[in-house]
PDB file of N, CA and C in Angstrom:
ATOM      1  N   MET A   1    -118.591 -64.630  34.966  1.00  0.00           N
ATOM      2  CA  MET A   1    -119.718 -65.314  34.357  1.00  0.00           C
ATOM      3  C   MET A   1    -119.307 -65.802  32.971  1.00  0.00           C
ATOM      4  N   LEU A   2    -119.708 -67.008  32.656  1.00  0.00           N
ATOM      5  CA  LEU A   2    -119.506 -67.515  31.312  1.00  0.00           C
ATOM      6  C   LEU A   2    -120.485 -66.817  30.385  1.00  0.00           C
ATOM      7  N   THR A   3    -120.055 -66.540  29.184  1.00  0.00           N
ATOM      8  CA  THR A   3    -120.973 -65.919  28.222  1.00  0.00           C
ATOM      9  C   THR A   3    -121.244 -66.903  27.092  1.00  0.00           C
ATOM     10  N   PRO A   4    -122.487 -66.973  26.663  1.00  0.00           N
ATOM     11  CA  PRO A   4    -122.843 -67.898  25.592  1.00  0.00           C
ATOM     12  C   PRO A   4    -122.260 -67.439  24.257  1.00  0.00           C
ATOM     13  N   HIS A   5    -122.051 -68.390  23.376  1.00  0.00           N
ATOM     14  CA  HIS A   5    -121.559 -68.066  22.046  1.00  0.00           C
ATOM     15  C   HIS A   5    -122.618 -67.211  21.343  1.00  0.00           C
ATOM     16  N   PRO A   6    -122.200 -66.155  20.650  1.00  0.00           N
ATOM     17  CA  PRO A   6    -123.163 -65.261  20.002  1.00  0.00           C
ATOM     18  C   PRO A   6    -124.109 -65.968  19.025  1.00  0.00           C
ATOM     19  N   THR A   7    -123.621 -66.983  18.332  1.00  0.00           N
ATOM     20  CA  THR A   7    -124.483 -67.705  17.385  1.00  0.00           C
ATOM     21  C   THR A   7    -125.617 -68.404  18.117  1.00  0.00           C
ATOM     22  N   LEU A   8    -125.299 -69.059  19.221  1.00  0.00           N
ATOM     23  CA  LEU A   8    -126.317 -69.736  20.018  1.00  0.00           C
ATOM     24  C   LEU A   8    -127.300 -68.720  20.591  1.00  0.00           C
ATOM     25  N   LEU A   9    -126.779 -67.648  21.125  1.00  0.00           N
ATOM     26  CA  LEU A   9    -127.619 -66.613  21.724  1.00  0.00           C
ATOM     27  C   LEU A   9    -128.553 -66.001  20.686  1.00  0.00           C
ATOM     28  N   ARG A  10    -128.042 -65.710  19.512  1.00  0.00           N
ATOM     29  CA  ARG A  10    -128.864 -65.145  18.434  1.00  0.00           C
ATOM     30  C   ARG A  10    -129.986 -66.110  18.061  1.00  0.00           C
ATOM     31  N   ARG A  11    -129.664 -67.405  17.973  1.00  0.00           N
ATOM     32  CA  ARG A  11    -130.669 -68.404  17.614  1.00  0.00           C
ATOM     33  C   ARG A  11    -131.765 -68.474  18.675  1.00  0.00           C
ATOM     34  N   LEU A  12    -131.380 -68.448  19.943  1.00  0.00           N
ATOM     35  CA  LEU A  12    -132.360 -68.488  21.035  1.00  0.00           C
ATOM     36  C   LEU A  12    -133.281 -67.271  21.003  1.00  0.00           C
ATOM     37  N   VAL A  13    -132.699 -66.099  20.863  1.00  0.00           N
ATOM     38  CA  VAL A  13    -133.491 -64.860  20.823  1.00  0.00           C
ATOM     39  C   VAL A  13    -134.433 -64.873  19.622  1.00  0.00           C
ATOM     40  N   ASP A  14    -133.908 -65.209  18.456  1.00  0.00           N
ATOM     41  CA  ASP A  14    -134.741 -65.215  17.247  1.00  0.00           C
ATOM     42  C   ASP A  14    -135.892 -66.200  17.351  1.00  0.00           C
ATOM     43  N   GLU A  15    -135.602 -67.406  17.836  1.00  0.00           N
ATOM     44  CA  GLU A  15    -136.656 -68.416  17.949  1.00  0.00           C
ATOM     45  C   GLU A  15    -137.703 -68.010  18.977  1.00  0.00           C
ATOM     46  N   TYR A  16    -137.263 -67.471  20.114  1.00  0.00           N
ATOM     47  CA  TYR A  16    -138.211 -67.045  21.144  1.00  0.00           C
ATOM     48  C   TYR A  16    -139.105 -65.918  20.621  1.00  0.00           C
ATOM     49  N   GLU A  17    -138.499 -64.923  19.992  1.00  0.00           N
ATOM     50  CA  GLU A  17    -139.288 -63.795  19.485  1.00  0.00           C
ATOM     51  C   GLU A  17    -140.245 -64.225  18.378  1.00  0.00           C
ATOM     52  N   ALA A  18    -139.813 -65.113  17.504  1.00  0.00           N
ATOM     53  CA  ALA A  18    -140.692 -65.604  16.437  1.00  0.00           C
ATOM     54  C   ALA A  18    -141.866 -66.378  17.025  1.00  0.00           C
ATOM     55  N   LEU A  19    -141.597 -67.189  18.012  1.00  0.00           N
ATOM     56  CA  LEU A  19    -142.646 -67.966  18.665  1.00  0.00           C
ATOM     57  C   LEU A  19    -143.654 -67.057  19.352  1.00  0.00           C
ATOM     58  N   MET A  20    -143.162 -66.041  20.033  1.00  0.00           N
ATOM     59  CA  MET A  20    -144.055 -65.108  20.716  1.00  0.00           C
ATOM     60  C   MET A  20    -144.888 -64.299  19.718  1.00  0.00           C
ATOM     61  N   ALA A  21    -144.306 -63.971  18.579  1.00  0.00           N
ATOM     62  CA  ALA A  21    -145.033 -63.192  17.566  1.00  0.00           C
ATOM     63  C   ALA A  21    -146.176 -64.010  16.960  1.00  0.00           C
ATOM     64  N   ARG A  22    -145.989 -65.312  16.892  1.00  0.00           N
ATOM     65  CA  ARG A  22    -147.018 -66.181  16.294  1.00  0.00           C
ATOM     66  C   ARG A  22    -148.053 -66.638  17.294  1.00  0.00           C
ATOM     67  N   GLN A  23    -147.822 -66.426  18.568  1.00  0.00           N
ATOM     68  CA  GLN A  23    -148.698 -66.958  19.602  1.00  0.00           C
ATOM     69  C   GLN A  23    -150.014 -66.190  19.666  1.00  0.00           C
ATOM     70  N   ASP A  24    -151.106 -66.940  19.627  1.00  0.00           N
ATOM     71  CA  ASP A  24    -152.445 -66.378  19.735  1.00  0.00           C
ATOM     72  C   ASP A  24    -152.840 -66.391  21.209  1.00  0.00           C
ATOM     73  N   PRO A  25    -153.185 -65.225  21.769  1.00  0.00           N
ATOM     74  CA  PRO A  25    -153.520 -65.171  23.203  1.00  0.00           C
ATOM     75  C   PRO A  25    -154.657 -66.114  23.593  1.00  0.00           C
ATOM     76  N   GLY A  26    -155.590 -66.391  22.682  1.00  0.00           N
ATOM     77  CA  GLY A  26    -156.723 -67.260  22.985  1.00  0.00           C
ATOM     78  C   GLY A  26    -156.416 -68.734  22.793  1.00  0.00           C
ATOM     79  N   GLU A  27    -155.241 -69.029  22.298  1.00  0.00           N
ATOM     80  CA  GLU A  27    -154.863 -70.411  22.016  1.00  0.00           C
ATOM     81  C   GLU A  27    -154.605 -71.167  23.313  1.00  0.00           C
ATOM     82  N   GLY A  28    -155.011 -72.421  23.344  1.00  0.00           N
ATOM     83  CA  GLY A  28    -154.805 -73.242  24.531  1.00  0.00           C
ATOM     84  C   GLY A  28    -153.348 -73.610  24.707  1.00  0.00           C
ATOM     85  N   HIS A  29    -153.041 -74.160  25.871  1.00  0.00           N
ATOM     86  CA  HIS A  29    -151.669 -74.589  26.161  1.00  0.00           C
ATOM     87  C   HIS A  29    -151.342 -75.789  25.292  1.00  0.00           C
ATOM     88  N   GLY A  30    -150.163 -75.795  24.783  1.00  0.00           N
ATOM     89  CA  GLY A  30    -149.753 -76.898  23.931  1.00  0.00           C
ATOM     90  C   GLY A  30    -148.259 -76.924  23.748  1.00  0.00           C
ATOM     91  N   ARG A  31    -147.873 -77.543  22.670  1.00  0.00           N
ATOM     92  CA  ARG A  31    -146.455 -77.694  22.366  1.00  0.00           C
ATOM     93  C   ARG A  31    -145.727 -76.367  22.260  1.00  0.00           C
ATOM     94  N   ARG A  32    -146.381 -75.383  21.665  1.00  0.00           N
ATOM     95  CA  ARG A  32    -145.749 -74.073  21.493  1.00  0.00           C
ATOM     96  C   ARG A  32    -145.433 -73.434  22.842  1.00  0.00           C
ATOM     97  N   ASP A  33    -146.354 -73.596  23.790  1.00  0.00           N
ATOM     98  CA  ASP A  33    -146.126 -73.045  25.130  1.00  0.00           C
ATOM     99  C   ASP A  33    -144.946 -73.726  25.811  1.00  0.00           C
ATOM    100  N   VAL A  34    -144.844 -75.023  25.642  1.00  0.00           N
ATOM    101  CA  VAL A  34    -143.733 -75.758  26.246  1.00  0.00           C
ATOM    102  C   VAL A  34    -142.421 -75.295  25.632  1.00  0.00           C
ATOM    103  N   ARG A  35    -142.389 -75.113  24.313  1.00  0.00           N
ATOM    104  CA  ARG A  35    -141.165 -74.650  23.656  1.00  0.00           C
ATOM    105  C   ARG A  35    -140.824 -73.234  24.117  1.00  0.00           C
ATOM    106  N   ALA A  36    -141.831 -72.379  24.259  1.00  0.00           N
ATOM    107  CA  ALA A  36    -141.593 -71.004  24.733  1.00  0.00           C
ATOM    108  C   ALA A  36    -141.009 -71.029  26.142  1.00  0.00           C
ATOM    109  N   GLN A  37    -141.517 -71.889  26.996  1.00  0.00           N
ATOM    110  CA  GLN A  37    -140.993 -72.004  28.359  1.00  0.00           C
ATOM    111  C   GLN A  37    -139.551 -72.514  28.338  1.00  0.00           C
ATOM    112  N   ASP A  38    -139.281 -73.491  27.473  1.00  0.00           N
ATOM    113  CA  ASP A  38    -137.916 -74.014  27.354  1.00  0.00           C
ATOM    114  C   ASP A  38    -136.950 -72.931  26.889  1.00  0.00           C
ATOM    115  N   LEU A  39    -137.364 -72.168  25.887  1.00  0.00           N
ATOM    116  CA  LEU A  39    -136.517 -71.096  25.364  1.00  0.00           C
ATOM    117  C   LEU A  39    -136.300 -70.013  26.417  1.00  0.00           C
ATOM    118  N   ALA A  40    -137.354 -69.646  27.125  1.00  0.00           N
ATOM    119  CA  ALA A  40    -137.246 -68.620  28.162  1.00  0.00           C
ATOM    120  C   ALA A  40    -136.270 -69.080  29.247  1.00  0.00           C
ATOM    121  N   TYR A  41    -136.398 -70.330  29.659  1.00  0.00           N
ATOM    122  CA  TYR A  41    -135.496 -70.871  30.681  1.00  0.00           C
ATOM    123  C   TYR A  41    -134.053 -70.844  30.192  1.00  0.00           C
ATOM    124  N   THR A  42    -133.833 -71.305  28.969  1.00  0.00           N
ATOM    125  CA  THR A  42    -132.475 -71.357  28.415  1.00  0.00           C
ATOM    126  C   THR A  42    -131.889 -69.963  28.268  1.00  0.00           C
ATOM    127  N   LEU A  43    -132.704 -69.004  27.851  1.00  0.00           N
ATOM    128  CA  LEU A  43    -132.234 -67.616  27.765  1.00  0.00           C
ATOM    129  C   LEU A  43    -131.843 -67.094  29.143  1.00  0.00           C
ATOM    130  N   CYS A  44    -132.650 -67.377  30.139  1.00  0.00           N
ATOM    131  CA  CYS A  44    -132.351 -66.908  31.495  1.00  0.00           C
ATOM    132  C   CYS A  44    -131.059 -67.532  32.016  1.00  0.00           C
ATOM    133  N   VAL A  45    -130.916 -68.828  31.842  1.00  0.00           N
ATOM    134  CA  VAL A  45    -129.703 -69.503  32.306  1.00  0.00           C
ATOM    135  C   VAL A  45    -128.490 -68.972  31.550  1.00  0.00           C
ATOM    136  N   SER A  46    -128.634 -68.796  30.246  1.00  0.00           N
ATOM    137  CA  SER A  46    -127.518 -68.344  29.410  1.00  0.00           C
ATOM    138  C   SER A  46    -127.055 -66.932  29.743  1.00  0.00           C
ATOM    139  N   THR A  47    -127.977 -66.117  30.227  1.00  0.00           N
ATOM    140  CA  THR A  47    -127.646 -64.724  30.503  1.00  0.00           C
ATOM    141  C   THR A  47    -127.514 -64.421  31.994  1.00  0.00           C
ATOM    142  N   GLY A  48    -127.744 -65.424  32.839  1.00  0.00           N
ATOM    143  CA  GLY A  48    -127.625 -65.221  34.279  1.00  0.00           C
ATOM    144  C   GLY A  48    -128.722 -64.344  34.855  1.00  0.00           C
ATOM    145  N   THR A  49    -129.909 -64.436  34.285  1.00  0.00           N
ATOM    146  CA  THR A  49    -131.043 -63.634  34.749  1.00  0.00           C
ATOM    147  C   THR A  49    -132.167 -64.557  35.221  1.00  0.00           C
ATOM    148  N   ARG A  50    -133.234 -63.952  35.747  1.00  0.00           N
ATOM    149  CA  ARG A  50    -134.354 -64.749  36.254  1.00  0.00           C
ATOM    150  C   ARG A  50    -135.665 -64.487  35.525  1.00  0.00           C
ATOM    151  N   GLU A  51    -135.724 -63.457  34.706  1.00  0.00           N
ATOM    152  CA  GLU A  51    -136.952 -63.129  33.979  1.00  0.00           C
ATOM    153  C   GLU A  51    -136.641 -63.026  32.501  1.00  0.00           C
ATOM    154  N   VAL A  52    -137.561 -63.486  31.680  1.00  0.00           N
ATOM    155  CA  VAL A  52    -137.287 -63.551  30.251  1.00  0.00           C
ATOM    156  C   VAL A  52    -137.092 -62.159  29.636  1.00  0.00           C
ATOM    157  N   GLY A  53    -137.799 -61.162  30.117  1.00  0.00           N
ATOM    158  CA  GLY A  53    -137.615 -59.804  29.598  1.00  0.00           C
ATOM    159  C   GLY A  53    -136.199 -59.305  29.851  1.00  0.00           C
ATOM    160  N   GLN A  54    -135.727 -59.550  31.035  1.00  0.00           N
ATOM    161  CA  GLN A  54    -134.364 -59.167  31.400  1.00  0.00           C
ATOM    162  C   GLN A  54    -133.356 -60.004  30.618  1.00  0.00           C
ATOM    163  N   ALA A  55    -133.673 -61.271  30.401  1.00  0.00           N
ATOM    164  CA  ALA A  55    -132.788 -62.151  29.631  1.00  0.00           C
ATOM    165  C   ALA A  55    -132.660 -61.653  28.186  1.00  0.00           C
ATOM    166  N   LEU A  56    -133.762 -61.241  27.598  1.00  0.00           N
ATOM    167  CA  LEU A  56    -133.725 -60.726  26.228  1.00  0.00           C
ATOM    168  C   LEU A  56    -132.903 -59.443  26.147  1.00  0.00           C
ATOM    169  N   GLU A  57    -133.078 -58.576  27.124  1.00  0.00           N
ATOM    170  CA  GLU A  57    -132.313 -57.321  27.153  1.00  0.00           C
ATOM    171  C   GLU A  57    -130.812 -57.606  27.295  1.00  0.00           C
ATOM    172  N   THR A  58    -130.479 -58.490  28.201  1.00  0.00           N
ATOM    173  CA  THR A  58    -129.075 -58.862  28.404  1.00  0.00           C
ATOM    174  C   THR A  58    -128.511 -59.523  27.152  1.00  0.00           C
ATOM    175  N   ALA A  59    -129.293 -60.393  26.532  1.00  0.00           N
ATOM    176  CA  ALA A  59    -128.849 -61.065  25.311  1.00  0.00           C
ATOM    177  C   ALA A  59    -128.557 -60.052  24.211  1.00  0.00           C
ATOM    178  N   ARG A  60    -129.418 -59.057  24.080  1.00  0.00           N
ATOM    179  CA  ARG A  60    -129.203 -58.024  23.045  1.00  0.00           C
ATOM    180  C   ARG A  60    -127.918 -57.241  23.322  1.00  0.00           C
ATOM    181  N   HIS A  61    -127.656 -56.952  24.585  1.00  0.00           N
ATOM    182  CA  HIS A  61    -126.415 -56.247  24.936  1.00  0.00           C
ATOM    183  C   HIS A  61    -125.192 -57.108  24.630  1.00  0.00           C
ATOM    184  N   LEU A  62    -125.269 -58.388  24.964  1.00  0.00           N
ATOM    185  CA  LEU A  62    -124.157 -59.295  24.681  1.00  0.00           C
ATOM    186  C   LEU A  62    -123.931 -59.438  23.178  1.00  0.00           C
ATOM    187  N   LEU A  63    -125.011 -59.511  22.425  1.00  0.00           N
ATOM    188  CA  LEU A  63    -124.885 -59.633  20.968  1.00  0.00           C
ATOM    189  C   LEU A  63    -124.297 -58.362  20.358  1.00  0.00           C
ATOM    190  N   ALA A  64    -124.718 -57.214  20.850  1.00  0.00           N
ATOM    191  CA  ALA A  64    -124.173 -55.949  20.355  1.00  0.00           C
ATOM    192  C   ALA A  64    -122.688 -55.857  20.674  1.00  0.00           C
ATOM    193  N   ALA A  65    -122.315 -56.278  21.878  1.00  0.00           N
ATOM    194  CA  ALA A  65    -120.901 -56.245  22.272  1.00  0.00           C
ATOM    195  C   ALA A  65    -120.074 -57.181  21.404  1.00  0.00           C
ATOM    196  N   SER A  66    -120.623 -58.342  21.073  1.00  0.00           N
ATOM    197  CA  SER A  66    -119.872 -59.284  20.229  1.00  0.00           C
ATOM    198  C   SER A  66    -119.722 -58.746  18.814  1.00  0.00           C
ATOM    199  N   MET A  67    -120.714 -58.002  18.336  1.00  0.00           N
ATOM    200  CA  MET A  67    -120.612 -57.397  17.002  1.00  0.00           C
ATOM    201  C   MET A  67    -119.563 -56.289  17.013  1.00  0.00           C
ATOM    202  N   ASP A  68    -119.531 -55.504  18.090  1.00  0.00           N
ATOM    203  CA  ASP A  68    -118.527 -54.452  18.222  1.00  0.00           C
ATOM    204  C   ASP A  68    -117.129 -55.046  18.260  1.00  0.00           C
ATOM    205  N   GLU A  69    -116.984 -56.154  18.999  1.00  0.00           N
ATOM    206  CA  GLU A  69    -115.692 -56.839  19.085  1.00  0.00           C
ATOM    207  C   GLU A  69    -115.248 -57.348  17.718  1.00  0.00           C
ATOM    208  N   ALA A  70    -116.176 -57.944  16.993  1.00  0.00           N
ATOM    209  CA  ALA A  70    -115.861 -58.476  15.674  1.00  0.00           C
ATOM    210  C   ALA A  70    -115.462 -57.354  14.729  1.00  0.00           C
ATOM    211  N   ALA A  71    -116.156 -56.238  14.814  1.00  0.00           N
ATOM    212  CA  ALA A  71    -115.828 -55.088  13.969  1.00  0.00           C
ATOM    213  C   ALA A  71    -114.455 -54.543  14.319  1.00  0.00           C
ATOM    214  N   ALA A  72    -114.138 -54.490  15.605  1.00  0.00           N
ATOM    215  CA  ALA A  72    -112.838 -53.991  16.041  1.00  0.00           C
ATOM    216  C   ALA A  72    -111.713 -54.915  15.565  1.00  0.00           C
ATOM    217  N   ARG A  73    -111.959 -56.210  15.628  1.00  0.00           N
ATOM    218  CA  ARG A  73    -110.955 -57.170  15.134  1.00  0.00           C
ATOM    219  C   ARG A  73    -110.766 -57.020  13.636  1.00  0.00           C
ATOM    220  N   GLY A  74    -111.863 -56.793  12.921  1.00  0.00           N
ATOM    221  CA  GLY A  74    -111.781 -56.608  11.478  1.00  0.00           C
ATOM    222  C   GLY A  74    -111.010 -55.357  11.116  1.00  0.00           C
ATOM    223  N   THR A  75    -111.201 -54.294  11.860  1.00  0.00           N
ATOM    224  CA  THR A  75    -110.493 -53.039  11.632  1.00  0.00           C
ATOM    225  C   THR A  75    -109.011 -53.208  11.964  1.00  0.00           C
ATOM    226  N   ALA A  76    -108.723 -53.888  13.063  1.00  0.00           N
ATOM    227  CA  ALA A  76    -107.334 -54.093  13.459  1.00  0.00           C
ATOM    228  C   ALA A  76    -106.605 -54.982  12.449  1.00  0.00           C
ATOM    229  N   ALA A  77    -107.303 -55.951  11.882  1.00  0.00           N
ATOM    230  CA  ALA A  77    -106.690 -56.837  10.889  1.00  0.00           C
ATOM    231  C   ALA A  77    -106.422 -56.108   9.584  1.00  0.00           C
ATOM    232  N   ALA A  78    -107.241 -55.106   9.287  1.00  0.00           N
ATOM    233  CA  ALA A  78    -107.086 -54.368   8.038  1.00  0.00           C
ATOM    234  C   ALA A  78    -105.910 -53.383   8.096  1.00  0.00           C
ATOM    235  N   VAL A  79    -105.496 -53.021   9.292  1.00  0.00           N
ATOM    236  CA  VAL A  79    -104.416 -52.041   9.467  1.00  0.00           C
ATOM    237  C   VAL A  79    -103.088 -52.634   9.252  1.00  0.00           C
TER     238      VAL A  79
END
């Protein structure tokens, strides 16, 4: 499976979570809903999942792994 670049993945997760945090349950369908659907779809495609909850979980694991990799490279470079 191809993995998305961590910067792109972080941006998608952050934007989706910020949008969901601002969403009013009583608010009608509009531009925000369309953007949320677009972000959810992109997260699912990027992570190879079918549900946004699973996509977010997978994205967090991928981001954590990329941070661990970066830290390991930094430690190896310092030696």
